[in-house]
C-alpha atoms as a PDB file:
ATOM      1  CA  MET A   1      -0.283   0.074  -0.140  1.00  0.00           C
ATOM      2  CA  ILE A   2       0.950   3.325  -0.817  1.00  0.00           C
ATOM      3  CA  ASP A   3       0.763   5.771   2.600  1.00  0.00           C
ATOM      4  CA  TYR A   4       0.635   9.251   2.125  1.00  0.00           C
ATOM      5  CA  SER A   5       1.459  10.259   5.863  1.00  0.00           C
ATOM      6  CA  PRO A   6       5.417  11.813   4.524  1.00  0.00           C
ATOM      7  CA  PHE A   7       3.284  14.267   2.267  1.00  0.00           C
ATOM      8  CA  TRP A   8       1.287  15.814   5.222  1.00  0.00           C
ATOM      9  CA  GLU A   9       4.262  15.624   7.421  1.00  0.00           C
ATOM     10  CA  THR A  10       6.959  17.404   5.181  1.00  0.00           C
ATOM     11  CA  LEU A  11       2.982  19.778   3.958  1.00  0.00           C
ATOM     12  CA  GLY A  12       3.489  20.837   7.607  1.00  0.00           C
ATOM     13  CA  LYS A  13       7.471  21.409   7.999  1.00  0.00           C
ATOM     14  CA  SER A  14       6.793  23.992   4.932  1.00  0.00           C
ATOM     15  CA  THR A  15       5.550  27.499   3.872  1.00  0.00           C
ATOM     16  CA  GLU A  16       3.124  25.989   1.467  1.00  0.00           C
ATOM     17  CA  ASN A  17      -0.402  24.253   2.802  1.00  0.00           C
ATOM     18  CA  TRP A  18      -3.845  23.345   1.292  1.00  0.00           C
ATOM     19  CA  TYR A  19      -4.906  26.986   0.290  1.00  0.00           C
ATOM     20  CA  THR A  20      -1.815  27.759  -1.494  1.00  0.00           C
ATOM     21  CA  LEU A  21      -1.321  24.292  -3.437  1.00  0.00           C
ATOM     22  CA  THR A  22      -4.678  25.146  -4.655  1.00  0.00           C
ATOM     23  CA  ASN A  23      -4.806  28.094  -5.548  1.00  0.00           C
ATOM     24  CA  LYS A  24      -0.952  29.336  -6.307  1.00  0.00           C
ATOM     25  CA  HIS A  25       0.005  25.656  -7.716  1.00  0.00           C
ATOM     26  CA  HIS A  26      -3.350  24.912  -9.323  1.00  0.00           C
ATOM     27  CA  LEU A  27      -3.906  21.282  -7.501  1.00  0.00           C
ATOM     28  CA  SER A  28      -7.058  20.046  -7.271  1.00  0.00           C
ATOM     29  CA  ASN A  29      -9.248  19.587  -4.555  1.00  0.00           C
ATOM     30  CA  SER A  30      -9.674  15.988  -5.312  1.00  0.00           C
ATOM     31  CA  THR A  31      -6.389  15.421  -5.593  1.00  0.00           C
ATOM     32  CA  LEU A  32      -5.286  16.582  -1.902  1.00  0.00           C
ATOM     33  CA  HIS A  33      -8.443  14.987  -1.095  1.00  0.00           C
ATOM     34  CA  ARG A  34      -7.227  11.288  -2.645  1.00  0.00           C
ATOM     35  CA  LEU A  35      -3.867  12.243  -0.679  1.00  0.00           C
ATOM     36  CA  LYS A  36      -5.330  12.249   2.191  1.00  0.00           C
ATOM     37  CA  ASN A  37      -7.477   9.141   1.567  1.00  0.00           C
ATOM     38  CA  ASN A  38      -4.624   7.133   0.590  1.00  0.00           C
ATOM     39  CA  LYS A  39      -6.047   6.582  -3.297  1.00  0.00           C
ATOM     40  CA  ASP A  40      -3.474   7.177  -6.098  1.00  0.00           C
ATOM     41  CA  ILE A  41      -2.056  10.067  -7.590  1.00  0.00           C
ATOM     42  CA  SER A  42       0.099  10.645 -11.087  1.00  0.00           C
ATOM     43  CA  THR A  43       3.453  10.398 -10.816  1.00  0.00           C
ATOM     44  CA  LYS A  44       3.402  13.905 -12.667  1.00  0.00           C
ATOM     45  CA  THR A  45       1.374  15.062  -9.017  1.00  0.00           C
ATOM     46  CA  ILE A  46       4.556  13.598  -7.184  1.00  0.00           C
ATOM     47  CA  ASN A  47       7.175  15.281  -9.742  1.00  0.00           C
ATOM     48  CA  ASP A  48       4.840  18.103  -8.592  1.00  0.00           C
ATOM     49  CA  LEU A  49       4.843  17.749  -5.197  1.00  0.00           C
ATOM     50  CA  CYS A  50       9.113  17.463  -5.056  1.00  0.00           C
ATOM     51  CA  ARG A  51       9.293  20.634  -7.171  1.00  0.00           C
ATOM     52  CA  ILE A  52       6.545  22.813  -5.532  1.00  0.00           C
ATOM     53  CA  LEU A  53       7.774  21.565  -1.441  1.00  0.00           C
ATOM     54  CA  SER A  54      11.664  20.936  -2.893  1.00  0.00           C
ATOM     55  CA  CYS A  55      11.622  17.921  -1.407  1.00  0.00           C
ATOM     56  CA  ARG A  56      12.388  13.919  -2.566  1.00  0.00           C
ATOM     57  CA  VAL A  57       9.629  10.718  -3.221  1.00  0.00           C
ATOM     58  CA  GLU A  58       9.966   9.475   0.505  1.00  0.00           C
ATOM     59  CA  ASP A  59       8.956  12.854   1.607  1.00  0.00           C
ATOM     60  CA  ILE A  60       5.858  12.629  -0.151  1.00  0.00           C
ATOM     61  CA  LEU A  61       5.428   8.523  -0.182  1.00  0.00           C
ATOM     62  CA  GLN A  62       6.129   5.407   1.089  1.00  0.00           C
ATOM     63  CA  TYR A  63       5.435   1.456   0.510  1.00  0.00           C
ATOM     64  CA  ILE A  64       3.832  -0.161   3.539  1.00  0.00           C
ATOM     65  CA  PRO A  65       3.316  -3.897   2.600  1.00  0.00           C
ATOM     66  CA  SER A  66       0.023  -4.850   3.356  1.00  0.00           C
ATOM     67  CA  ASP A  67      -2.207  -8.204   3.390  1.00  0.00           C
ATOM     68  CA  SER A  68      -4.780  -6.198   0.898  1.00  0.00           C
ATOM     69  CA  ASP A  69      -1.895  -6.041  -1.889  1.00  0.00           C
ATOM     70  CA  GLN A  70      -3.136  -7.056  -5.164  1.00  0.00           C
ATOM     71  CA  THR A  71      -1.535 -10.521  -5.856  1.00  0.00           C
ATOM     72  CA  LEU A  72       1.115 -10.706  -8.469  1.00  0.00           C
END
């Protein structure tokens, strides 16, 4: 499972917030809602977040093994 809790920690340490992400950087509310609920987002969005927050991918997401992961 991809977990976005590192994103919220990184956002909390930055000068950005939900308002600036949506209004200044034009991220949609639905994208932030997807992050909040650990739903899929695009790699373009991950790239944009890393650029906006001047951080690494690991500062946005982490992989946590889960029994509900799809069988390969």
